[in-house]
Amino acid sequence: IAKGKGRVILTASGPNEVSVEDDGLKHGVFTYFLLEGLRGMADMDRDGVITVDEIYGYVSKKVPQATGQEQHPVKKGTVEGQLIMEVLD
């Protein structure tokens, strides 16, 4: 599983944006889609592993759609290889 190394920070929104809370989702919009992604929706290649790139790709698509393009997650950091965030059952 150790396919990479590095450090990445994922933030819910850009520096001049407000992170949207949604009572209907029972979470902030970013948290909702982050959790949904980690449960399997972000596994784009269906290999049973969710990488940082996959989860970021998922939230960076879903969050702006859900907020009317008002919120855009940000990824910063340095990575060598692929950092794994979740291994699915």
Protein backbone atom coordinates (compact mmCIF):
# COMPACT_ATOMS: atom_id res chain seq x y z
CA ILE A 1 0.00 0.00 0.00
CA ALA A 2 2.92 2.39 0.56
CA LYS A 3 2.98 3.83 -2.93
CA GLY A 4 4.02 7.36 -2.16
CA LYS A 5 5.19 9.90 0.32
CA GLY A 6 4.62 13.53 1.01
CA ARG A 7 2.25 15.90 2.72
CA VAL A 8 -0.99 17.32 1.37
CA ILE A 9 -3.47 19.78 2.78
CA LEU A 10 -7.04 19.76 1.45
CA THR A 11 -9.10 22.80 2.36
CA ALA A 12 -12.84 23.18 1.98
CA SER A 13 -12.65 26.44 0.06
CA GLY A 14 -10.39 28.99 -1.54
CA PRO A 15 -8.90 31.86 0.51
CA ASN A 16 -11.67 34.36 -0.29
CA GLU A 17 -14.58 31.93 -0.20
CA VAL A 18 -17.02 30.92 2.51
CA SER A 19 -17.39 27.21 3.28
CA VAL A 20 -21.08 26.38 2.91
CA GLU A 21 -22.99 24.51 5.59
CA ASP A 22 -26.09 22.60 4.47
CA ASP A 23 -28.65 21.46 7.04
CA GLY A 24 -30.06 19.00 4.50
CA LEU A 25 -26.69 17.26 4.23
CA LYS A 26 -26.12 17.39 8.01
CA HIS A 27 -22.54 18.52 7.29
CA GLY A 28 -20.67 21.22 5.52
CA VAL A 29 -20.78 20.64 1.77
CA PHE A 30 -17.06 19.82 1.61
CA THR A 31 -17.26 17.37 4.53
CA TYR A 32 -20.29 15.67 3.04
CA PHE A 33 -18.57 15.00 -0.30
CA LEU A 34 -15.25 14.13 1.35
CA LEU A 35 -16.97 11.42 3.40
CA GLU A 36 -18.98 10.23 0.40
CA GLY A 37 -15.77 10.02 -1.61
CA LEU A 38 -13.96 8.07 1.10
CA ARG A 39 -16.85 5.60 1.21
CA GLY A 40 -16.12 4.70 -2.40
CA MET A 41 -17.55 7.33 -4.72
CA ALA A 42 -14.09 8.78 -5.39
CA ASP A 43 -12.59 5.44 -6.50
CA MET A 44 -12.48 6.49 -10.15
CA ASP A 45 -10.44 3.54 -11.40
CA ARG A 46 -12.36 1.02 -9.24
CA ASP A 47 -9.19 -0.53 -7.80
CA GLY A 48 -10.46 -0.50 -4.20
CA VAL A 49 -8.05 2.25 -3.18
CA ILE A 50 -8.75 5.98 -2.91
CA THR A 51 -5.77 8.24 -3.44
CA VAL A 52 -5.36 11.91 -2.56
CA ASP A 53 -5.69 12.74 -6.25
CA GLU A 54 -8.93 10.77 -6.56
CA ILE A 55 -10.53 12.34 -3.49
CA TYR A 56 -9.46 15.82 -4.55
CA GLY A 57 -10.80 15.23 -8.07
CA TYR A 58 -14.10 14.14 -6.56
CA VAL A 59 -14.58 17.01 -4.12
CA SER A 60 -13.29 19.61 -6.59
CA LYS A 61 -16.07 18.55 -8.96
CA LYS A 62 -18.93 17.95 -6.50
CA VAL A 63 -18.49 20.91 -4.12
CA PRO A 64 -18.67 23.66 -6.77
CA GLN A 65 -21.68 21.93 -8.36
CA ALA A 66 -23.49 21.78 -5.01
CA THR A 67 -22.71 25.40 -4.11
CA GLY A 68 -23.48 27.10 -7.42
CA GLN A 69 -19.76 27.59 -8.08
CA GLU A 70 -19.40 29.57 -4.84
CA GLN A 71 -16.95 27.18 -3.14
CA HIS A 72 -13.86 25.49 -4.57
CA PRO A 73 -11.71 23.06 -2.53
CA VAL A 74 -7.94 23.59 -2.66
CA LYS A 75 -5.10 21.06 -2.58
CA LYS A 76 -1.58 22.08 -1.59
CA GLY A 77 1.50 20.05 -0.87
CA THR A 78 4.22 17.90 -2.31
CA VAL A 79 3.78 14.25 -3.19
CA GLU A 80 6.03 11.59 -4.66
CA GLY A 81 3.97 8.75 -6.11
CA GLN A 82 0.42 8.31 -4.85
CA LEU A 83 -0.76 8.94 -1.31
CA ILE A 84 -3.47 6.51 -0.30
CA MET A 85 -6.29 7.85 1.84
CA GLU A 86 -8.61 4.84 2.01
CA VAL A 87 -8.61 1.13 1.23
CA LEU A 88 -12.13 -0.12 0.57
CA ASP A 89 -13.42 -3.46 1.81
